[in-house]
Amino acid sequence: MRPSPFFTRATRLMHPTALSAVRRLAFLALIGFAPAAWAQVPPAPPLAAKSWVLMDAASGQVLVNHEGSQRLPPASLTKLMTAHVAAREMQRGRLKESDLVTISEKAWRMGGSKMFVMVGNQVSVHDLMRGIIVQSGNDASVALAEHIAGGEDTFAALMNQEAKRLGLADTHFANATGWPAPDHYSSALDMAKIARAIILEDPTHYALYAEKEFVWNDIRQPNRNLLLWRDPSVDGLKTGHTEEAGYCLVASSRRDGQRLIAAVFGTNSEAARASETAKLLGYGFSFYTSKTFYKHGETVQDVPVWKGAARGVKAGVASDFAVALPKRGGEGYQTRIALKPGDLIAPVAAGAQLGTVELTDAQGKVMAQAPLVALEAVEEGGFFRRMWDGIRLFFRGLLD
């Protein structure tokens, strides 16, 4: 069967790419997509802040970026990574929510925002997570960091390892709380990426970010994210404030199946960080809609395989292929598959890149793309299959 005009023939994959690496490539391809190409979208409103980023959660696509890579003190936004590292430890089975943590004197003496744990008490990991996320407790952050890594400095090293995994180019952590330190910094773009990882990789614990209050030691403390009260579509994430950092907020909102993430650094008041963040989210929902074209694991194309135990291989995307499109004038977009040229000859490894999935506009211009990968492995066929396919390829080459 002849391929359609949109397809080119597949090539032999001499060095198949690992699936994890392809996932990162797909993610980078999507976040590299330039929303400025959409002529139908007006410019975002200016904010009374130092830097800000608006991100589509499904694709990782950055819709608005004002000084998003500027390195700034993140204050208590740091605790997004603290909680995320703890959540990953639970996913790996190294930590349980029911584990009891003995509160050290260092944790008890921490200043700033507190959960009000007492030295020598034993507090469950679950309660400490709520103390970190809802109450922004510096004491809870240090206690959990010490329990996981033996000390806050070692835990900060774990945070930096996770930052590297997430591809955070402008982030370095020196502690688990956001307490001011010379080598402790992040950016609006990196904080949006951390928020996206929390939302996608650990939806169970993400529910904690929507809690409006938490009572511990008979002290009731509200979540400082004012948008939780003002906008029912907002369900996270975290506030931060120091004199140097100003008032910061990373917030996420879900409306009509679309989720956006806003990271705003350096406003001048608690009220301003909420209103400026709401302005950014409102802009995004007004002018963009997020569409997922292919889901991870979905078969996009069956690709013929020569000399293999199977005649073909199922191909798809390593992670969801989603794009935020303009609501106004966003018609005429379609997907197409571009396979690598040449013949695909077994063996084929699962995760090997076979081509690309592309989104094009009405003029055929490629607006976004992601790798097309093998969803399964195909081993070499038997002697007669390899011999017969070799003969077919030889004569086909003569005819071509």
Protein backbone atom coordinates (compact mmCIF):
# COMPACT_ATOMS: atom_id res chain seq x y z
CA MET A 1 0.00 0.00 0.00
CA ARG A 2 1.44 3.34 -1.03
CA PRO A 3 1.83 5.98 1.70
CA SER A 4 -0.27 9.14 1.60
CA PRO A 5 1.32 12.39 0.34
CA PHE A 6 1.82 13.48 3.94
CA PHE A 7 4.05 10.53 4.70
CA THR A 8 7.64 9.73 3.74
CA ARG A 9 9.12 6.30 4.07
CA ALA A 10 10.71 5.19 7.34
CA THR A 11 14.45 4.67 7.81
CA ARG A 12 16.39 1.99 9.58
CA LEU A 13 17.09 3.06 13.19
CA MET A 14 20.72 2.15 13.81
CA HIS A 15 20.81 3.78 17.25
CA PRO A 16 17.26 3.86 18.72
CA THR A 17 16.62 6.66 21.18
CA ALA A 18 15.57 5.78 24.71
CA LEU A 19 11.93 6.52 25.54
CA SER A 20 12.78 8.82 28.45
CA ALA A 21 14.99 10.96 26.22
CA VAL A 22 12.27 11.14 23.58
CA ARG A 23 9.81 12.34 26.20
CA ARG A 24 12.14 15.17 27.09
CA LEU A 25 12.57 15.98 23.40
CA ALA A 26 8.80 16.08 22.94
CA PHE A 27 8.45 18.39 25.92
CA LEU A 28 11.20 20.72 24.71
CA ALA A 29 9.71 20.80 21.21
CA LEU A 30 6.41 21.93 22.62
CA ILE A 31 7.65 24.56 25.05
CA GLY A 32 9.82 25.92 22.26
CA PHE A 33 6.69 26.66 20.27
CA ALA A 34 6.30 30.41 19.72
CA PRO A 35 2.82 31.78 20.54
CA ALA A 36 3.78 35.06 18.88
CA ALA A 37 3.06 33.30 15.60
CA TRP A 38 -0.65 33.61 16.33
CA ALA A 39 -1.47 36.98 14.75
CA GLN A 40 -5.01 36.78 16.09
CA VAL A 41 -3.99 37.10 19.75
CA PRO A 42 -3.57 40.63 21.20
CA PRO A 43 -0.61 41.37 23.48
CA ALA A 44 -0.94 40.45 27.15
CA PRO A 45 -1.70 43.22 29.63
CA PRO A 46 1.24 44.68 31.59
CA LEU A 47 1.44 43.70 35.24
CA ALA A 48 2.68 45.62 38.26
CA ALA A 49 5.39 43.02 38.95
CA LYS A 50 9.04 42.25 38.22
CA SER A 51 8.50 39.17 36.06
CA TRP A 52 5.72 36.82 35.07
CA VAL A 53 4.94 33.76 32.95
CA LEU A 54 1.69 32.20 31.75
CA MET A 55 1.86 28.52 30.76
CA ASP A 56 -0.58 26.04 29.26
CA ALA A 57 -0.40 23.05 31.58
CA ALA A 58 -1.28 20.37 29.03
CA SER A 59 1.51 21.21 26.59
CA GLY A 60 3.98 23.21 28.66
CA GLN A 61 3.61 25.93 26.04
CA VAL A 62 4.54 29.40 27.33
CA LEU A 63 1.84 31.87 26.32
CA VAL A 64 3.20 34.97 28.05
CA ASN A 65 6.79 35.57 29.13
CA HIS A 66 7.93 38.86 30.66
CA GLU A 67 11.46 38.52 32.05
CA GLY A 68 10.54 34.93 32.86
CA SER A 69 14.16 33.78 33.07
CA GLN A 70 15.28 36.57 35.41
CA ARG A 71 16.87 35.05 38.50
CA LEU A 72 15.08 36.32 41.60
CA PRO A 73 14.69 35.22 45.23
CA PRO A 74 11.68 32.86 45.28
CA ALA A 75 10.87 33.22 48.99
CA SER A 76 8.33 30.58 50.06
CA LEU A 77 7.65 29.53 46.48
CA THR A 78 10.67 27.35 47.28
CA LYS A 79 8.30 25.08 49.20
CA LEU A 80 6.78 23.94 45.91
CA MET A 81 10.00 22.04 45.31
CA THR A 82 10.23 20.94 48.95
CA ALA A 83 6.80 19.35 48.77
CA HIS A 84 7.47 17.96 45.29
CA VAL A 85 10.66 16.19 46.37
CA ALA A 86 8.81 14.72 49.36
CA ALA A 87 5.99 13.54 47.10
CA ARG A 88 8.47 11.82 44.77
CA GLU A 89 10.04 10.07 47.76
CA MET A 90 6.57 8.73 48.59
CA GLN A 91 6.07 7.60 45.00
CA ARG A 92 9.35 5.67 45.19
CA GLY A 93 8.25 3.99 48.41
CA ARG A 94 10.99 5.58 50.50
CA LEU A 95 8.54 7.67 52.53
CA LYS A 96 5.00 7.08 53.78
CA GLU A 97 2.36 9.61 54.73
CA SER A 98 1.90 7.80 58.03
CA ASP A 99 5.61 8.02 58.94
CA LEU A 100 6.23 10.00 62.12
CA VAL A 101 8.82 12.78 62.08
CA THR A 102 10.54 13.90 65.28
CA ILE A 103 10.75 17.70 65.39
CA SER A 104 14.29 18.97 65.92
CA GLU A 105 15.24 22.10 67.80
CA LYS A 106 16.42 23.69 64.54
CA ALA A 107 12.99 23.15 62.97
CA TRP A 108 11.18 24.42 66.08
CA ARG A 109 13.32 27.58 66.21
CA MET A 110 12.69 28.59 62.58
CA GLY A 111 11.32 32.09 62.21
CA GLY A 112 8.89 33.47 59.66
CA SER A 113 5.70 31.59 58.81
CA LYS A 114 5.21 28.56 61.03
CA MET A 115 3.08 25.49 61.46
CA PHE A 116 3.82 25.73 65.21
CA VAL A 117 5.16 22.23 65.73
CA MET A 118 6.88 21.67 69.07
CA VAL A 119 10.41 20.37 69.61
CA GLY A 120 10.47 16.64 70.39
CA ASN A 121 6.94 16.03 69.09
CA GLN A 122 6.27 13.40 66.48
CA VAL A 123 4.22 14.61 63.51
CA SER A 124 3.06 12.57 60.55
CA VAL A 125 4.42 13.25 57.07
CA HIS A 126 0.87 13.94 55.90
CA ASP A 127 0.38 16.70 58.48
CA LEU A 128 3.79 18.21 57.70
CA MET A 129 2.89 18.30 54.00
CA ARG A 130 -0.26 20.27 54.87
CA GLY A 131 1.78 22.52 57.13
CA ILE A 132 4.15 23.25 54.24
CA ILE A 133 1.56 23.69 51.50
CA VAL A 134 -1.32 25.37 53.35
CA GLN A 135 0.43 27.22 56.18
CA SER A 136 3.80 27.76 54.45
CA GLY A 137 5.49 26.53 57.62
CA ASN A 138 9.24 27.00 57.70
CA ASP A 139 9.38 24.69 60.72
CA ALA A 140 7.48 21.96 58.86
CA SER A 141 9.76 22.34 55.83
CA VAL A 142 12.95 21.91 57.85
CA ALA A 143 11.51 18.99 59.83
CA LEU A 144 10.54 17.08 56.68
CA ALA A 145 13.83 17.91 54.96
CA GLU A 146 15.80 16.57 57.93
CA HIS A 147 13.69 13.42 58.05
CA ILE A 148 14.16 12.65 54.34
CA ALA A 149 17.83 13.56 53.93
CA GLY A 150 19.30 13.75 57.43
CA GLY A 151 19.93 17.48 57.11
CA GLU A 152 18.64 20.52 55.28
CA ASP A 153 21.82 20.96 53.24
CA THR A 154 21.60 17.42 51.90
CA PHE A 155 17.91 17.89 51.16
CA ALA A 156 18.77 21.04 49.18
CA ALA A 157 21.06 18.87 47.06
CA LEU A 158 18.06 16.61 46.33
CA MET A 159 16.08 19.69 45.35
CA ASN A 160 18.80 20.73 42.92
CA GLN A 161 18.92 17.23 41.44
CA GLU A 162 15.19 17.43 40.78
CA ALA A 163 15.63 20.91 39.32
CA LYS A 164 18.13 19.44 36.86
CA ARG A 165 15.72 16.64 35.93
CA LEU A 166 13.02 19.20 35.18
CA GLY A 167 15.40 21.29 33.09
CA LEU A 168 15.33 24.36 35.31
CA ALA A 169 18.06 26.61 33.92
CA ASP A 170 17.70 29.51 36.35
CA THR A 171 17.17 27.82 39.72
CA HIS A 172 19.43 26.87 42.60
CA PHE A 173 18.27 25.97 46.09
CA ALA A 174 20.26 26.48 49.27
CA ASN A 175 17.51 25.50 51.72
CA ALA A 176 14.03 23.99 51.97
CA THR A 177 12.18 27.13 53.06
CA GLY A 178 13.12 30.02 50.80
CA TRP A 179 14.96 31.76 53.63
CA PRO A 180 17.14 34.44 51.96
CA ALA A 181 20.58 33.16 50.91
CA PRO A 182 23.07 34.43 48.29
CA ASP A 183 22.94 31.27 46.17
CA HIS A 184 19.19 30.68 46.49
CA TYR A 185 17.29 31.84 43.42
CA SER A 186 14.72 30.84 40.82
CA SER A 187 12.64 32.39 38.05
CA ALA A 188 9.01 32.73 37.03
CA LEU A 189 9.52 30.30 34.15
CA ASP A 190 11.18 27.68 36.34
CA MET A 191 8.49 27.98 39.01
CA ALA A 192 5.81 27.45 36.37
CA LYS A 193 7.65 24.29 35.30
CA ILE A 194 7.77 23.03 38.89
CA ALA A 195 4.04 23.69 39.23
CA ARG A 196 3.36 21.75 36.02
CA ALA A 197 5.39 18.80 37.30
CA ILE A 198 3.42 18.81 40.56
CA ILE A 199 0.10 18.88 38.70
CA LEU A 200 0.93 16.18 36.15
CA GLU A 201 3.18 13.86 38.14
CA ASP A 202 1.43 13.80 41.51
CA PRO A 203 -2.28 14.65 41.22
CA THR A 204 -3.01 13.01 44.58
CA HIS A 205 -0.96 15.51 46.58
CA TYR A 206 -1.91 18.37 44.29
CA ALA A 207 -5.31 18.35 46.00
CA LEU A 208 -3.60 19.73 49.14
CA TYR A 209 -2.91 23.02 47.35
CA ALA A 210 -6.65 23.78 47.21
CA GLU A 211 -7.14 23.54 50.99
CA LYS A 212 -8.14 26.95 52.33
CA GLU A 213 -7.08 26.41 55.95
CA PHE A 214 -5.35 24.01 58.29
CA VAL A 215 -5.55 23.78 62.08
CA TRP A 216 -2.54 22.58 64.06
CA ASN A 217 -1.76 22.99 67.74
CA ASP A 218 -5.21 24.65 68.08
CA ILE A 219 -4.10 27.41 65.73
CA ARG A 220 -6.21 27.94 62.62
CA GLN A 221 -4.27 29.42 59.69
CA PRO A 222 -5.70 30.32 56.27
CA ASN A 223 -4.02 29.61 52.97
CA ARG A 224 -2.44 32.91 51.84
CA ASN A 225 -3.50 32.35 48.22
CA LEU A 226 -6.41 34.80 48.06
CA LEU A 227 -7.49 33.48 44.65
CA LEU A 228 -8.76 30.31 46.34
CA TRP A 229 -11.57 32.44 47.78
CA ARG A 230 -12.09 34.76 44.81
CA ASP A 231 -12.05 32.33 41.89
CA PRO A 232 -13.58 28.84 42.18
CA SER A 233 -11.53 27.68 39.19
CA VAL A 234 -8.25 28.26 41.07
CA ASP A 235 -7.03 25.19 42.99
CA GLY A 236 -3.41 26.04 43.83
CA LEU A 237 -0.55 26.59 44.27
CA LYS A 238 1.67 28.74 46.54
CA THR A 239 2.49 32.24 47.75
CA GLY A 240 5.82 33.71 48.80
CA HIS A 241 7.04 36.92 50.41
CA THR A 242 10.23 38.44 51.73
CA GLU A 243 11.43 42.04 51.70
CA GLU A 244 13.84 41.30 48.86
CA ALA A 245 11.48 39.10 46.81
CA GLY A 246 8.33 41.16 47.25
CA TYR A 247 4.98 39.37 47.03
CA CYS A 248 4.99 36.35 44.71
CA LEU A 249 2.38 33.84 43.61
CA VAL A 250 2.22 30.70 41.50
CA ALA A 251 -1.41 29.87 40.74
CA SER A 252 -3.22 27.33 38.61
CA SER A 253 -6.76 27.49 37.29
CA ARG A 254 -8.90 25.00 35.38
CA ARG A 255 -11.85 26.18 33.27
CA ASP A 256 -13.82 24.09 30.78
CA GLY A 257 -11.18 21.38 30.76
CA GLN A 258 -8.28 23.78 30.14
CA ARG A 259 -5.63 24.39 32.81
CA LEU A 260 -3.31 27.39 32.94
CA ILE A 261 -0.41 28.13 35.28
CA ALA A 262 0.60 31.69 36.18
CA ALA A 263 3.83 32.61 37.99
CA VAL A 264 4.17 36.22 39.14
CA PHE A 265 7.25 37.59 40.95
CA GLY A 266 7.77 40.86 42.78
CA THR A 267 4.45 42.63 43.32
CA ASN A 268 4.18 45.19 46.12
CA SER A 269 1.37 43.75 48.27
CA GLU A 270 -0.64 40.65 49.09
CA ALA A 271 -3.65 42.13 47.30
CA ALA A 272 -1.59 43.05 44.23
CA ARG A 273 -0.11 39.58 43.76
CA ALA A 274 -3.64 38.14 43.70
CA SER A 275 -5.12 40.77 41.36
CA GLU A 276 -2.16 40.76 38.94
CA THR A 277 -2.14 36.97 38.78
CA ALA A 278 -5.90 36.93 38.16
CA LYS A 279 -5.39 39.42 35.33
CA LEU A 280 -2.83 37.11 33.69
CA LEU A 281 -5.05 34.03 34.03
CA GLY A 282 -8.04 35.94 32.67
CA TYR A 283 -6.08 36.95 29.59
CA GLY A 284 -5.07 33.36 28.90
CA PHE A 285 -8.57 31.93 29.18
CA SER A 286 -9.98 34.76 27.05
CA PHE A 287 -7.69 34.26 24.07
CA TYR A 288 -6.41 30.64 24.13
CA THR A 289 -7.90 27.20 24.16
CA SER A 290 -5.87 24.06 24.76
CA LYS A 291 -6.37 21.05 22.51
CA THR A 292 -4.84 17.60 22.84
CA PHE A 293 -4.43 16.04 19.41
CA TYR A 294 -2.89 12.71 20.45
CA LYS A 295 -2.67 11.04 23.85
CA HIS A 296 0.37 9.22 25.17
CA GLY A 297 0.14 5.55 24.18
CA GLU A 298 -2.44 6.14 21.44
CA THR A 299 -1.61 4.55 18.06
CA VAL A 300 -1.15 7.35 15.55
CA GLN A 301 0.25 5.34 12.64
CA ASP A 302 1.15 1.73 11.81
CA VAL A 303 4.61 1.78 10.24
CA PRO A 304 5.76 -1.12 8.02
CA VAL A 305 8.81 -3.07 9.26
CA TRP A 306 11.12 -5.18 7.09
CA LYS A 307 12.91 -8.35 8.25
CA GLY A 308 11.03 -8.31 11.54
CA ALA A 309 9.06 -10.79 13.64
CA ALA A 310 6.06 -8.52 12.89
CA ARG A 311 5.16 -6.78 9.65
CA GLY A 312 4.58 -3.43 11.32
CA VAL A 313 5.00 -1.42 14.48
CA LYS A 314 2.50 0.80 16.26
CA ALA A 315 3.72 4.40 16.47
CA GLY A 316 2.53 7.24 18.67
CA VAL A 317 3.72 10.12 20.84
CA ALA A 318 5.84 9.71 23.96
CA SER A 319 3.77 12.31 25.82
CA ASP A 320 0.46 13.99 25.05
CA PHE A 321 0.67 16.15 21.92
CA ALA A 322 -1.22 19.23 23.02
CA VAL A 323 -1.13 22.84 21.81
CA ALA A 324 -2.78 26.03 23.00
CA LEU A 325 -4.55 27.61 20.03
CA PRO A 326 -6.08 31.07 19.66
CA LYS A 327 -9.82 31.22 20.22
CA ARG A 328 -10.20 33.87 17.54
CA GLY A 329 -9.22 32.87 14.02
CA GLY A 330 -7.89 29.52 15.15
CA GLU A 331 -9.42 27.48 12.32
CA GLY A 332 -7.62 25.56 9.60
CA TYR A 333 -5.08 23.73 11.76
CA GLN A 334 -4.41 20.07 11.11
CA THR A 335 -1.93 17.37 12.05
CA ARG A 336 0.26 15.37 9.72
CA ILE A 337 2.84 12.62 10.10
CA ALA A 338 6.33 12.89 8.61
CA LEU A 339 8.20 9.57 8.74
CA LYS A 340 11.96 9.36 8.42
CA PRO A 341 13.06 8.56 4.84
CA GLY A 342 14.16 5.06 3.97
CA ASP A 343 13.08 1.58 5.02
CA LEU A 344 12.49 0.60 8.64
CA ILE A 345 14.39 -2.64 9.23
CA ALA A 346 14.18 -4.74 12.40
CA PRO A 347 15.15 -4.74 15.16
CA VAL A 348 13.22 -1.68 16.33
CA ALA A 349 13.42 -0.65 19.98
CA ALA A 350 10.42 0.63 21.92
CA GLY A 351 10.75 4.41 22.06
CA ALA A 352 12.82 4.66 18.88
CA GLN A 353 11.98 7.80 16.93
CA LEU A 354 10.31 7.03 13.61
CA GLY A 355 9.50 10.57 12.53
CA THR A 356 7.54 13.57 13.76
CA VAL A 357 3.95 14.59 14.39
CA GLU A 358 3.35 18.11 13.13
CA LEU A 359 0.64 20.72 13.57
CA THR A 360 0.25 22.97 10.53
CA ASP A 361 -1.78 26.09 9.85
CA ALA A 362 -4.00 26.71 6.84
CA GLN A 363 -0.95 27.62 4.74
CA GLY A 364 0.88 24.41 5.65
CA LYS A 365 3.37 26.11 7.98
CA VAL A 366 4.53 23.88 10.85
CA MET A 367 3.42 25.50 14.12
CA ALA A 368 4.33 22.73 16.58
CA GLN A 369 5.85 19.28 16.44
CA ALA A 370 6.76 16.28 18.59
CA PRO A 371 8.63 13.02 17.96
CA LEU A 372 6.70 10.02 16.62
CA VAL A 373 8.05 6.96 18.45
CA ALA A 374 7.65 3.20 18.38
CA LEU A 375 5.16 2.14 21.06
CA GLU A 376 6.51 -1.41 21.08
CA ALA A 377 9.63 -3.34 20.19
CA VAL A 378 9.95 -5.46 17.05
CA GLU A 379 12.60 -8.16 17.09
CA GLU A 380 14.36 -9.59 14.06
CA GLY A 381 12.36 -12.16 12.16
CA GLY A 382 13.47 -15.70 11.43
CA PHE A 383 15.97 -16.68 8.75
CA PHE A 384 13.41 -17.15 5.98
CA ARG A 385 11.62 -13.87 6.81
CA ARG A 386 14.88 -11.96 6.66
CA MET A 387 15.95 -13.69 3.45
CA TRP A 388 12.57 -13.15 1.71
CA ASP A 389 12.39 -9.48 2.72
CA GLY A 390 15.98 -9.00 1.57
CA ILE A 391 15.06 -10.34 -1.88
CA ARG A 392 11.97 -8.09 -2.04
CA LEU A 393 13.99 -5.05 -1.08
CA PHE A 394 16.66 -5.89 -3.67
CA PHE A 395 14.20 -6.11 -6.56
CA ARG A 396 12.24 -3.12 -5.35
CA GLY A 397 15.48 -1.15 -5.40
CA LEU A 398 16.09 -2.24 -8.99
CA LEU A 399 12.59 -1.12 -9.99
CA ASP A 400 13.00 2.21 -8.21
